[in-house]
């Protein structure tokens, strides 16, 4: 060996000292450390892979700024179905509170707090989650909330503790606000001159879900356990998740740079900038008060003399409102979309006033009164609400979730006022007294709409004329032109969509195998490269520009 050659390194566990080789007692712990780290890495990999699957966007749903998604009738129906059976979560327990009390072995007063707790959770979701629709991309936000709600719902199906049931009910009520995230998205996707029709379809599904939840829950629990109703809801929510995962279009965030607390504060600021928003909120508050007051006190009327109906018959009475919901989209298409929203709001409030007067002053001795009231009140409220939404969604196109939050918070406050006032007034003066209070509420709503005309730009007055005909027939409110960034030629859409579900499944399977998606021909490979430059891009890479002109 050369004289100046470097000494060979000692083997592990051996050290050199004074030329002698001495063994050491050092214990190698590399393997012991690496094993837990590998374990944690595998767990993180599993969660990351699950997250990637949940938030994966199938090819047909990806955002392409050069060719935005078409808002089709099938998508409209999907949103209506999802909205209806999501909001139904809040109402399954209403007709079966006595059964829940027996099953949990507690007093009725203890389970009577569950609807109140869920309403409080829903209010918190409206106020704190819905504004995030302006900050985050809608598809992952909505799909994630639906999956979270469906998974947590499993606890309601299996728990035997009332405390746990109440706590979970509160949490799922917070995340059940996904319909209120879908409605502003409909405003973004639907052409302005078809916005009222599209909104009416979704709102009809939403109101239908409220009625079906009560009827379904009350009817099924007469034959099976109440848990069967909750298991059915569990399955429906996972079905909604799967359908939205496959078909809900991706859409970029409209305000990605704003902070959350500023987002909330700007909702208050919007009320000071837009008189039409305040007008819609006030009308919504008074109208919703009459709605909940009627359905709360109707039970007392039908259960007493001269009707003496059983709970099942009273529950089926709610089906009368279904007829009004089917007329809603037809009216929106023929009237609301063709004239200024102000006309439809006044017409809807007139229907409400007529129905309340008939029900209040005939209902004590003739069943036709409450029947007409249920029909006209549901139709009138839906008509007025759709027209108001169509008008207010035009004021700030990039903040439609914030606008919707302001409108829905005021509507929710009206519902609370109607429930409390209806119960107290009925207890003090009976059916006619509570109905007369509703006449007063509707009167205030009509005065709110009469105080300011459709062309008025300030807070009061009818400057601009009395005409109810749109100046711009392609706009939603008749005067605010909006760029048609969401409109696309529907020719060839069917051919493009064919096989997209299968392609999506192939890409998911390929991701799980850490492989590339299969492309069977060189031409397809070239097309796939072009897709990555266009439709393959994430909605987070794009920012919607202001669409109000």
Protein backbone atom coordinates (compact mmCIF):
# COMPACT_ATOMS: atom_id res chain seq x y z
CA UNK A 1 0.00 0.00 0.00
CA UNK A 2 1.40 3.48 -0.81
CA UNK A 3 2.97 5.34 2.06
CA UNK A 4 0.66 8.34 1.93
CA UNK A 5 -2.53 6.52 1.04
CA UNK A 6 -5.62 7.49 2.99
CA UNK A 7 -6.67 4.96 5.61
CA UNK A 8 -9.65 2.85 4.85
CA UNK A 9 -12.80 3.83 6.73
CA UNK A 10 -13.61 1.78 9.75
CA UNK A 11 -16.62 -0.50 9.55
CA UNK A 12 -19.71 0.38 11.56
CA UNK A 13 -19.32 -0.27 15.25
CA UNK A 14 -15.48 -0.15 15.09
CA UNK A 15 -13.19 2.79 15.98
CA UNK A 16 -9.46 3.35 15.65
CA UNK A 17 -7.39 4.41 18.66
CA UNK A 18 -3.54 4.45 18.78
CA UNK A 19 -3.38 2.13 15.85
CA UNK A 20 -5.44 -0.55 17.61
CA UNK A 21 -8.84 -1.63 16.41
CA UNK A 22 -11.31 -1.52 19.28
CA UNK A 23 -14.95 -2.38 19.08
CA UNK A 24 -17.54 0.12 20.26
CA UNK A 25 -20.86 -0.40 21.90
CA UNK A 26 -22.73 2.14 19.73
CA UNK A 27 -26.15 0.85 18.75
CA UNK A 28 -27.42 1.69 15.28
CA UNK A 29 -30.91 3.20 15.50
CA UNK A 30 -31.35 4.22 11.88
CA UNK A 31 -33.76 1.41 11.15
CA UNK A 32 -35.79 2.07 14.28
CA UNK A 33 -36.18 5.75 13.32
CA UNK A 34 -36.86 5.09 9.67
CA UNK A 35 -39.66 2.63 10.35
CA UNK A 36 -42.04 5.10 12.12
CA UNK A 37 -41.17 7.75 9.54
CA UNK A 38 -42.06 5.33 6.76
CA UNK A 39 -45.28 4.51 8.60
CA UNK A 40 -46.18 8.21 8.85
CA UNK A 41 -45.25 8.69 5.21
CA UNK A 42 -47.60 5.89 4.17
CA UNK A 43 -50.44 7.41 6.23
CA UNK A 44 -49.81 10.83 4.74
CA UNK A 45 -49.72 9.28 1.29
CA UNK A 46 -53.10 7.60 1.87
CA UNK A 47 -54.72 10.84 3.06
CA UNK A 48 -53.12 12.81 0.22
CA UNK A 49 -54.38 10.26 -2.28
CA UNK A 50 -57.90 10.38 -0.79
CA UNK A 51 -57.84 14.17 -0.94
CA UNK A 52 -56.69 14.09 -4.55
CA UNK A 53 -59.55 11.75 -5.47
CA UNK A 54 -62.19 13.86 -3.69
CA UNK A 55 -61.01 17.10 -5.33
CA UNK A 56 -60.22 15.57 -8.70
CA UNK A 57 -62.01 17.28 -11.60
CA UNK A 58 -63.21 15.02 -14.45
CA UNK A 59 -62.28 16.27 -17.96
CA UNK A 60 -65.79 17.35 -18.85
CA UNK A 61 -66.03 19.57 -15.73
CA UNK A 62 -62.67 21.35 -15.94
CA UNK A 63 -62.56 25.10 -16.25
CA UNK A 64 -61.58 26.37 -19.68
CA UNK A 65 -61.71 30.19 -19.97
CA UNK A 66 -61.95 29.97 -23.74
CA UNK A 67 -64.98 27.70 -23.52
CA UNK A 68 -66.87 28.05 -20.20
CA UNK A 69 -69.36 25.34 -19.19
CA UNK A 70 -72.85 25.34 -20.63
CA UNK A 71 -75.66 25.63 -18.11
CA UNK A 72 -77.96 22.89 -19.38
CA UNK A 73 -81.37 21.70 -18.19
CA UNK A 74 -79.82 18.52 -16.82
CA UNK A 75 -77.38 20.56 -14.70
CA UNK A 76 -80.29 22.71 -13.51
CA UNK A 77 -82.20 19.60 -12.41
CA UNK A 78 -79.10 18.18 -10.72
CA UNK A 79 -78.69 21.37 -8.67
CA UNK A 80 -82.39 21.28 -7.75
CA UNK A 81 -82.14 17.63 -6.63
CA UNK A 82 -78.99 18.31 -4.62
CA UNK A 83 -80.47 21.43 -3.02
CA UNK A 84 -83.74 19.71 -2.09
CA UNK A 85 -82.31 16.61 -0.43
CA UNK A 86 -79.53 18.56 1.28
CA UNK A 87 -81.76 21.13 2.96
CA UNK A 88 -84.09 18.25 3.92
CA UNK A 89 -81.54 17.36 6.61
CA UNK A 90 -82.93 20.21 8.71
CA UNK A 91 -86.52 18.94 8.69
CA UNK A 92 -86.51 15.15 9.08
CA UNK A 93 -86.80 15.46 12.86
CA UNK A 94 -89.77 17.86 12.94
CA UNK A 95 -92.66 15.32 12.75
CA UNK A 96 -90.96 12.62 14.88
CA UNK A 97 -89.82 14.48 17.97
CA UNK A 98 -92.11 12.43 20.20
CA UNK A 99 -90.69 9.21 18.73
CA UNK A 100 -87.14 10.44 19.33
CA UNK A 101 -88.03 11.19 22.95
CA UNK A 102 -89.31 7.64 23.46
CA UNK A 103 -86.32 6.03 21.75
CA UNK A 104 -83.73 8.05 23.67
CA UNK A 105 -85.71 7.66 26.91
CA UNK A 106 -85.94 11.39 27.69
CA UNK A 107 -88.66 13.99 28.14
CA UNK A 108 -90.21 15.65 25.09
CA UNK A 109 -88.82 19.02 26.15
CA UNK A 110 -85.28 17.69 25.79
CA UNK A 111 -85.68 16.63 22.16
CA UNK A 112 -87.74 19.73 21.31
CA UNK A 113 -84.49 21.68 21.34
CA UNK A 114 -83.09 19.76 18.33
CA UNK A 115 -84.90 21.83 15.64
CA UNK A 116 -83.80 25.02 17.39
CA UNK A 117 -80.19 23.82 17.58
CA UNK A 118 -80.22 22.92 13.88
CA UNK A 119 -81.70 26.28 12.91
CA UNK A 120 -78.94 27.98 14.92
CA UNK A 121 -76.32 25.87 13.11
CA UNK A 122 -77.85 26.72 9.75
CA UNK A 123 -77.77 30.42 10.62
CA UNK A 124 -74.07 30.13 11.54
CA UNK A 125 -73.38 28.42 8.22
CA UNK A 126 -75.22 31.15 6.32
CA UNK A 127 -73.22 33.87 8.02
CA UNK A 128 -69.75 32.31 8.15
CA UNK A 129 -69.55 29.67 5.39
CA UNK A 130 -71.61 31.10 2.53
CA UNK A 131 -69.39 34.18 2.03
CA UNK A 132 -66.47 31.80 1.36
CA UNK A 133 -68.11 31.06 -1.99
CA UNK A 134 -66.63 34.38 -3.17
CA UNK A 135 -63.18 33.44 -1.88
CA UNK A 136 -62.82 29.76 -2.84
CA UNK A 137 -63.50 27.78 -6.02
CA UNK A 138 -67.09 26.52 -5.72
CA UNK A 139 -66.68 22.90 -6.90
CA UNK A 140 -64.15 21.63 -4.29
CA UNK A 141 -65.86 23.69 -1.59
CA UNK A 142 -69.34 22.32 -2.29
CA UNK A 143 -68.24 18.73 -2.95
CA UNK A 144 -66.11 18.74 0.21
CA UNK A 145 -68.98 20.05 2.35
CA UNK A 146 -71.39 17.45 0.98
CA UNK A 147 -68.93 14.62 1.68
CA UNK A 148 -68.25 15.93 5.20
CA UNK A 149 -71.96 16.23 5.97
CA UNK A 150 -72.76 12.77 4.58
CA UNK A 151 -69.94 11.14 6.56
CA UNK A 152 -70.86 12.90 9.81
CA UNK A 153 -74.52 11.96 9.26
CA UNK A 154 -73.52 8.36 9.95
CA UNK A 155 -73.18 9.33 13.61
CA UNK A 156 -76.85 10.36 13.72
CA UNK A 157 -77.84 6.95 12.35
CA UNK A 158 -76.05 4.91 15.01
CA UNK A 159 -75.75 7.00 18.18
CA UNK A 160 -77.80 6.12 21.26
CA UNK A 161 -76.92 9.32 23.17
CA UNK A 162 -79.16 12.37 22.89
CA UNK A 163 -76.24 14.69 23.69
CA UNK A 164 -74.17 13.25 20.84
CA UNK A 165 -77.20 13.37 18.53
CA UNK A 166 -77.77 17.05 19.36
CA UNK A 167 -74.11 17.99 18.91
CA UNK A 168 -73.82 16.24 15.54
CA UNK A 169 -77.12 17.80 14.44
CA UNK A 170 -75.66 21.25 15.12
CA UNK A 171 -72.50 20.54 13.08
CA UNK A 172 -74.29 19.05 10.07
CA UNK A 173 -76.70 21.99 10.08
CA UNK A 174 -73.72 24.33 9.67
CA UNK A 175 -72.49 22.45 6.60
CA UNK A 176 -75.97 22.00 5.11
CA UNK A 177 -75.73 25.45 3.50
CA UNK A 178 -74.52 24.00 0.17
CA UNK A 179 -77.82 24.95 -1.59
CA UNK A 180 -77.06 28.59 -0.76
CA UNK A 181 -73.69 28.14 -2.48
CA UNK A 182 -75.31 26.61 -5.54
CA UNK A 183 -77.80 29.44 -6.11
CA UNK A 184 -75.15 32.13 -6.71
CA UNK A 185 -73.34 29.65 -8.99
CA UNK A 186 -76.56 29.35 -10.99
CA UNK A 187 -76.48 33.13 -11.25
CA UNK A 188 -72.94 32.88 -12.63
CA UNK A 189 -73.59 30.05 -15.09
CA UNK A 190 -77.09 30.80 -16.41
CA UNK A 191 -77.46 33.49 -19.11
CA UNK A 192 -78.88 36.71 -17.59
CA UNK A 193 -82.08 36.54 -19.66
CA UNK A 194 -82.72 32.99 -18.34
CA UNK A 195 -81.54 33.53 -14.78
CA UNK A 196 -84.98 33.71 -13.15
CA UNK A 197 -86.07 30.44 -14.77
CA UNK A 198 -82.89 28.66 -13.71
CA UNK A 199 -83.13 30.00 -10.15
CA UNK A 200 -86.80 29.03 -9.99
CA UNK A 201 -86.01 25.40 -10.81
CA UNK A 202 -83.42 25.20 -8.01
CA UNK A 203 -85.62 27.01 -5.47
CA UNK A 204 -88.54 24.71 -6.38
CA UNK A 205 -86.30 21.73 -5.64
CA UNK A 206 -85.24 23.33 -2.38
CA UNK A 207 -88.80 23.96 -1.18
CA UNK A 208 -89.87 20.53 -2.39
CA UNK A 209 -87.12 19.01 -0.25
CA UNK A 210 -88.47 20.80 2.82
CA UNK A 211 -91.98 19.43 2.26
CA UNK A 212 -90.87 15.92 1.25
CA UNK A 213 -88.63 15.65 4.33
CA UNK A 214 -91.55 16.27 6.68
CA UNK A 215 -93.99 14.03 4.83
CA UNK A 216 -91.47 11.23 4.28
CA UNK A 217 -90.27 11.26 7.86
CA UNK A 218 -93.76 11.34 9.37
CA UNK A 219 -95.07 8.61 7.05
CA UNK A 220 -92.17 6.16 7.25
CA UNK A 221 -91.94 6.26 11.03
CA UNK A 222 -95.52 4.95 11.20
CA UNK A 223 -94.26 1.69 9.69
CA UNK A 224 -90.52 1.44 10.47
CA UNK A 225 -88.04 2.87 12.95
CA UNK A 226 -87.01 6.51 12.70
CA UNK A 227 -83.45 5.38 12.01
CA UNK A 228 -84.59 4.07 8.62
CA UNK A 229 -85.36 7.68 7.64
CA UNK A 230 -81.87 8.78 8.67
CA UNK A 231 -80.24 5.85 6.86
CA UNK A 232 -82.19 6.84 3.75
CA UNK A 233 -80.88 10.39 4.09
CA UNK A 234 -77.36 9.01 4.52
CA UNK A 235 -77.62 7.17 1.21
CA UNK A 236 -79.13 10.17 -0.58
CA UNK A 237 -76.32 12.44 0.56
CA UNK A 238 -73.66 10.09 -0.77
CA UNK A 239 -75.61 9.86 -4.01
CA UNK A 240 -75.56 13.67 -4.22
CA UNK A 241 -71.81 13.64 -3.60
CA UNK A 242 -71.23 11.15 -6.42
CA UNK A 243 -73.43 13.07 -8.87
CA UNK A 244 -71.78 16.40 -8.06
CA UNK A 245 -68.32 14.82 -8.29
CA UNK A 246 -69.06 13.62 -11.82
CA UNK A 247 -71.07 16.54 -13.18
CA UNK A 248 -70.59 19.79 -11.20
CA UNK A 249 -68.51 22.20 -13.30
CA UNK A 250 -65.36 23.77 -11.94
CA UNK A 251 -65.45 27.55 -11.59
CA UNK A 252 -62.65 29.84 -10.47
CA UNK A 253 -62.76 31.94 -7.33
CA UNK A 254 -64.07 35.44 -7.99
CA UNK A 255 -62.16 37.18 -5.16
CA UNK A 256 -59.04 35.10 -4.45
CA UNK A 257 -57.00 37.92 -2.92
CA UNK A 258 -59.37 39.24 -0.26
CA UNK A 259 -59.14 38.26 3.41
CA UNK A 260 -61.96 36.38 5.12
CA UNK A 261 -62.82 39.09 7.68
CA UNK A 262 -62.79 41.78 5.03
CA UNK A 263 -65.08 39.55 3.01
CA UNK A 264 -67.59 39.60 5.87
CA UNK A 265 -67.27 43.34 6.41
CA UNK A 266 -67.91 44.11 2.74
CA UNK A 267 -71.33 42.44 3.03
CA UNK A 268 -72.34 45.18 5.46
CA UNK A 269 -70.84 47.78 3.12
CA UNK A 270 -72.89 46.42 0.21
CA UNK A 271 -76.08 47.22 2.08
CA UNK A 272 -75.04 50.86 2.15
CA UNK A 273 -74.21 50.94 -1.56
CA UNK A 274 -77.19 49.17 -3.13
CA UNK A 275 -80.75 50.32 -2.33
CA UNK A 276 -82.20 47.44 -4.36
CA UNK A 277 -80.43 44.95 -2.06
CA UNK A 278 -81.87 46.57 1.08
CA UNK A 279 -85.32 46.66 -0.55
CA UNK A 280 -85.12 42.94 -1.40
CA UNK A 281 -83.88 42.06 2.11
CA UNK A 282 -86.74 43.95 3.79
CA UNK A 283 -89.35 42.40 1.49
CA UNK A 284 -87.86 38.95 2.09
CA UNK A 285 -87.91 39.42 5.87
CA UNK A 286 -91.61 40.36 5.99
CA UNK A 287 -92.69 37.69 3.48
CA UNK A 288 -90.84 34.84 5.19
CA UNK A 289 -92.39 35.86 8.52
CA UNK A 290 -95.87 35.15 7.11
CA UNK A 291 -94.71 31.81 5.69
CA UNK A 292 -93.41 30.34 8.96
CA UNK A 293 -96.25 31.87 10.99
CA UNK A 294 -98.81 30.11 8.79
CA UNK A 295 -97.18 26.66 8.84
CA UNK A 296 -96.57 26.87 12.59
CA UNK A 297 -100.12 27.82 13.57
CA UNK A 298 -101.81 25.64 10.92
CA UNK A 299 -101.10 22.57 13.07
CA UNK A 300 -103.04 24.08 15.97
CA UNK A 301 -105.99 24.95 13.69
CA UNK A 302 -106.28 21.52 12.05
CA UNK A 303 -105.75 19.58 15.28
CA UNK A 304 -108.59 21.39 17.07
CA UNK A 305 -112.29 21.94 16.42
CA UNK A 306 -113.94 21.70 13.96
CA UNK A 307 -111.35 19.56 12.06
CA UNK A 308 -109.64 17.35 14.68
CA UNK A 309 -107.19 15.85 12.16
CA UNK A 310 -104.52 13.34 13.16
CA UNK A 311 -100.79 14.19 12.74
CA UNK A 312 -100.45 12.13 9.52
CA UNK A 313 -103.27 14.05 7.82
CA UNK A 314 -101.82 17.36 8.97
CA UNK A 315 -98.43 16.33 7.56
CA UNK A 316 -99.94 15.41 4.18
CA UNK A 317 -101.53 18.86 4.09
CA UNK A 318 -98.10 20.18 3.20
CA UNK A 319 -98.29 18.47 -0.20
CA UNK A 320 -100.63 21.24 -1.34
CA UNK A 321 -97.60 23.46 -1.74
CA UNK A 322 -96.08 21.07 -4.30
CA UNK A 323 -98.51 22.29 -6.98
CA UNK A 324 -97.34 25.86 -6.46
CA UNK A 325 -93.72 24.82 -6.87
CA UNK A 326 -94.36 23.30 -10.30
CA UNK A 327 -95.98 26.54 -11.46
CA UNK A 328 -93.01 28.60 -10.27
CA UNK A 329 -90.57 27.80 -13.13
CA UNK A 330 -93.34 28.22 -15.72
CA UNK A 331 -94.19 31.68 -14.40
CA UNK A 332 -90.51 32.65 -14.20
CA UNK A 333 -89.97 31.68 -17.83
CA UNK A 334 -93.04 33.49 -19.17
CA UNK A 335 -93.09 36.60 -16.97
CA UNK A 336 -90.09 37.14 -14.67
CA UNK A 337 -87.49 36.71 -17.40
CA UNK A 338 -89.42 38.99 -19.79
CA UNK A 339 -90.22 41.92 -17.51
CA UNK A 340 -88.38 43.74 -14.75
CA UNK A 341 -88.24 41.74 -11.47
CA UNK A 342 -90.22 44.48 -9.67
CA UNK A 343 -93.41 43.39 -11.45
CA UNK A 344 -93.09 39.77 -10.33
CA UNK A 345 -92.30 40.77 -6.74
CA UNK A 346 -95.48 42.87 -6.54
CA UNK A 347 -97.51 40.08 -8.17
CA UNK A 348 -96.10 37.48 -5.77
CA UNK A 349 -96.87 39.64 -2.74
CA UNK A 350 -100.42 40.19 -4.04
CA UNK A 351 -100.87 36.41 -4.25
CA UNK A 352 -99.60 36.09 -0.67
CA UNK A 353 -102.01 38.79 0.55
CA UNK A 354 -104.98 37.15 -1.21
CA UNK A 355 -104.15 33.73 0.21
CA UNK A 356 -103.66 35.01 3.75
CA UNK A 357 -106.97 36.89 3.71
CA UNK A 358 -108.86 33.81 2.45
CA UNK A 359 -107.21 31.49 4.96
CA UNK A 360 -107.53 33.85 7.91
CA UNK A 361 -111.18 34.80 7.57
CA UNK A 362 -112.58 31.56 6.11
CA UNK A 363 -110.35 28.97 7.76
CA UNK A 364 -112.20 28.88 11.07
CA UNK A 365 -115.25 27.22 9.50
CA UNK A 366 -114.22 26.03 6.01
CA UNK A 367 -111.20 23.97 4.97
CA UNK A 368 -110.96 25.70 1.60
CA UNK A 369 -109.48 28.76 3.32
CA UNK A 370 -106.25 27.08 4.52
CA UNK A 371 -106.02 25.16 1.23
CA UNK A 372 -106.07 28.36 -0.83
CA UNK A 373 -103.71 30.02 1.62
CA UNK A 374 -101.17 27.20 1.36
CA UNK A 375 -101.34 27.27 -2.44
CA UNK A 376 -101.18 31.04 -2.94
CA UNK A 377 -98.70 31.71 -0.13
CA UNK A 378 -96.20 29.15 -1.42
CA UNK A 379 -96.53 30.34 -5.01
CA UNK A 380 -96.40 34.03 -4.10
CA UNK A 381 -93.41 33.70 -1.80
CA UNK A 382 -91.46 31.67 -4.36
CA UNK A 383 -92.29 34.16 -7.15
CA UNK A 384 -91.24 37.17 -5.09
CA UNK A 385 -88.07 35.50 -3.85
CA UNK A 386 -86.95 34.43 -7.34
CA UNK A 387 -87.58 37.90 -8.76
CA UNK A 388 -85.65 39.55 -5.93
CA UNK A 389 -82.70 37.19 -6.38
CA UNK A 390 -82.67 37.87 -10.11
CA UNK A 391 -82.47 41.61 -9.40
CA UNK A 392 -79.84 41.57 -6.64
CA UNK A 393 -77.49 39.13 -8.39
CA UNK A 394 -76.89 41.85 -10.99
CA UNK A 395 -75.57 44.48 -8.53
CA UNK A 396 -72.16 42.90 -7.83
CA UNK A 397 -71.43 39.93 -10.13
CA UNK A 398 -68.14 39.09 -8.39
CA UNK A 399 -69.78 39.06 -4.95
CA UNK A 400 -72.94 37.06 -5.56
CA UNK A 401 -72.32 34.84 -2.53
CA UNK A 402 -72.03 37.90 -0.32
CA UNK A 403 -75.21 39.34 -1.83
CA UNK A 404 -76.97 36.03 -1.28
CA UNK A 405 -75.72 35.90 2.33
CA UNK A 406 -77.26 39.30 3.08
CA UNK A 407 -80.56 38.26 1.50
CA UNK A 408 -80.72 34.88 3.23
CA UNK A 409 -79.76 36.22 6.68
CA UNK A 410 -82.63 38.71 6.48
CA UNK A 411 -84.97 35.97 5.26
CA UNK A 412 -83.89 33.71 8.12
CA UNK A 413 -84.51 36.50 10.64
CA UNK A 414 -88.00 36.86 9.18
CA UNK A 415 -88.62 33.15 9.70
CA UNK A 416 -87.63 33.41 13.35
CA UNK A 417 -89.88 36.45 13.82
CA UNK A 418 -92.79 34.68 12.13
CA UNK A 419 -92.44 31.54 14.25
CA UNK A 420 -92.21 33.44 17.54
CA UNK A 421 -94.90 36.00 16.71
CA UNK A 422 -97.25 33.40 15.24
CA UNK A 423 -97.12 31.19 18.34
CA UNK A 424 -97.58 34.03 20.82
CA UNK A 425 -100.36 35.76 18.90
CA UNK A 426 -102.20 32.47 18.32
CA UNK A 427 -101.99 31.64 22.03
CA UNK A 428 -103.40 35.07 22.90
CA UNK A 429 -106.00 35.63 20.18
CA UNK A 430 -106.38 32.48 18.09
CA UNK A 431 -106.26 31.81 14.36
CA UNK A 432 -107.78 35.08 13.15
CA UNK A 433 -105.42 37.18 15.28
CA UNK A 434 -102.29 35.41 13.99
CA UNK A 435 -103.58 35.62 10.42
CA UNK A 436 -104.26 39.34 10.78
CA UNK A 437 -100.66 39.82 11.91
CA UNK A 438 -99.56 38.09 8.70
CA UNK A 439 -101.73 40.51 6.71
CA UNK A 440 -99.78 43.31 8.39
CA UNK A 441 -96.42 41.69 7.52
CA UNK A 442 -97.38 41.38 3.85
CA UNK A 443 -98.64 44.95 3.88
CA UNK A 444 -95.20 46.10 5.06
CA UNK A 445 -93.52 44.07 2.32
CA UNK A 446 -95.75 45.68 -0.32
CA UNK A 447 -95.05 49.16 1.05
CA UNK A 448 -91.33 48.41 0.83
CA UNK A 449 -91.65 47.57 -2.87
CA UNK A 450 -93.99 50.47 -3.64
CA UNK A 451 -91.70 53.02 -1.98
CA UNK A 452 -89.05 52.54 -4.66
CA UNK A 453 -89.61 51.95 -8.37
CA UNK A 454 -87.71 49.60 -10.71
CA UNK A 455 -85.69 52.39 -12.39
CA UNK A 456 -84.99 54.43 -9.25
CA UNK A 457 -81.26 54.69 -8.46
CA UNK A 458 -81.66 56.22 -4.98
CA UNK A 459 -83.46 55.01 -1.87
CA UNK A 460 -87.01 56.32 -2.48
CA UNK A 461 -89.06 57.40 -5.47
CA UNK A 462 -90.11 56.34 -8.94
CA UNK A 463 -87.72 58.37 -11.03
CA UNK A 464 -87.18 56.76 -14.41
CA UNK A 465 -90.83 55.94 -15.04
CA UNK A 466 -93.46 53.34 -14.22
CA UNK A 467 -92.74 50.99 -17.10
CA UNK A 468 -92.24 47.31 -16.23
CA UNK A 469 -90.77 46.41 -19.62
CA UNK A 470 -87.05 45.67 -19.74
CA UNK A 471 -84.87 48.26 -21.44
CA UNK A 472 -82.29 45.54 -22.09
CA UNK A 473 -84.05 42.26 -22.82
CA UNK A 474 -80.83 40.26 -22.40
CA UNK A 475 -80.25 41.47 -18.83
CA UNK A 476 -81.64 39.97 -15.62
CA UNK A 477 -82.92 43.18 -14.05
CA UNK A 478 -83.79 44.96 -17.29
CA UNK A 479 -81.04 47.59 -17.12
CA UNK A 480 -77.66 46.10 -16.11
CA UNK A 481 -75.79 44.65 -19.07
CA UNK A 482 -73.59 41.68 -18.20
CA UNK A 483 -70.95 40.09 -20.37
CA UNK A 484 -71.89 36.60 -21.46
CA UNK A 485 -68.67 34.97 -20.28
CA UNK A 486 -70.58 31.87 -19.29
CA UNK A 487 -72.43 31.42 -22.60
CA UNK A 488 -71.13 28.96 -25.10
CA UNK A 489 -72.36 27.47 -28.34
CA UNK A 490 -74.24 24.28 -27.49
CA UNK A 491 -73.57 22.72 -30.89
CA UNK A 492 -71.44 19.66 -30.49
CA UNK A 493 -71.59 19.67 -26.69
CA UNK A 494 -73.19 16.25 -26.64
CA UNK A 495 -70.36 14.77 -28.72
CA UNK A 496 -67.72 16.35 -26.49
CA UNK A 497 -69.32 15.01 -23.32
CA UNK A 498 -69.60 11.44 -24.57
CA UNK A 499 -67.32 9.12 -22.68
CA UNK A 500 -66.02 11.77 -20.27
CA UNK A 501 -67.14 9.81 -17.22
CA UNK A 502 -65.18 6.79 -18.38
CA UNK A 503 -62.11 8.93 -19.05
CA UNK A 504 -62.38 10.39 -15.58
CA UNK A 505 -62.45 6.94 -13.99
CA UNK A 506 -59.43 5.89 -16.04
CA UNK A 507 -57.49 8.93 -14.86
CA UNK A 508 -58.36 8.24 -11.22
CA UNK A 509 -57.26 4.62 -11.57
CA UNK A 510 -54.05 5.73 -13.26
CA UNK A 511 -53.35 8.22 -10.45
CA UNK A 512 -53.73 5.44 -7.90
CA UNK A 513 -51.19 3.35 -9.81
CA UNK A 514 -48.88 6.38 -10.23
CA UNK A 515 -49.23 6.00 -13.96
CA UNK A 516 -50.25 8.35 -16.74
CA UNK A 517 -53.77 8.16 -18.16
CA UNK A 518 -53.98 5.74 -21.11
CA UNK A 519 -53.81 7.28 -24.56
CA UNK A 520 -54.24 4.67 -27.20
CA UNK A 521 -53.10 6.59 -30.24
CA UNK A 522 -50.50 9.23 -31.03
CA UNK A 523 -53.22 11.65 -32.13
CA UNK A 524 -54.87 11.30 -28.75
CA UNK A 525 -51.55 12.00 -27.09
CA UNK A 526 -51.23 15.21 -29.03
CA UNK A 527 -54.83 16.13 -28.15
CA UNK A 528 -54.10 15.42 -24.51
CA UNK A 529 -51.20 17.88 -24.59
CA UNK A 530 -53.52 20.55 -25.95
CA UNK A 531 -56.05 19.71 -23.26
CA UNK A 532 -53.46 20.32 -20.55
CA UNK A 533 -53.01 23.81 -21.89
CA UNK A 534 -56.74 24.53 -21.94
CA UNK A 535 -59.32 22.43 -20.15
CA UNK A 536 -56.77 20.71 -17.97
CA UNK A 537 -55.90 23.84 -16.07
CA UNK A 538 -57.19 24.31 -12.57
CA UNK A 539 -59.82 26.90 -11.80
CA UNK A 540 -57.44 28.29 -9.19
CA UNK A 541 -55.20 29.56 -12.01
CA UNK A 542 -57.91 31.83 -13.38
CA UNK A 543 -59.62 34.86 -11.97
CA UNK A 544 -63.04 35.98 -13.11
CA UNK A 545 -63.03 39.51 -14.32
CA UNK A 546 -65.85 41.87 -13.42
CA UNK A 547 -68.83 41.15 -15.62
CA UNK A 548 -70.86 44.24 -14.88
CA UNK A 549 -70.59 46.85 -17.62
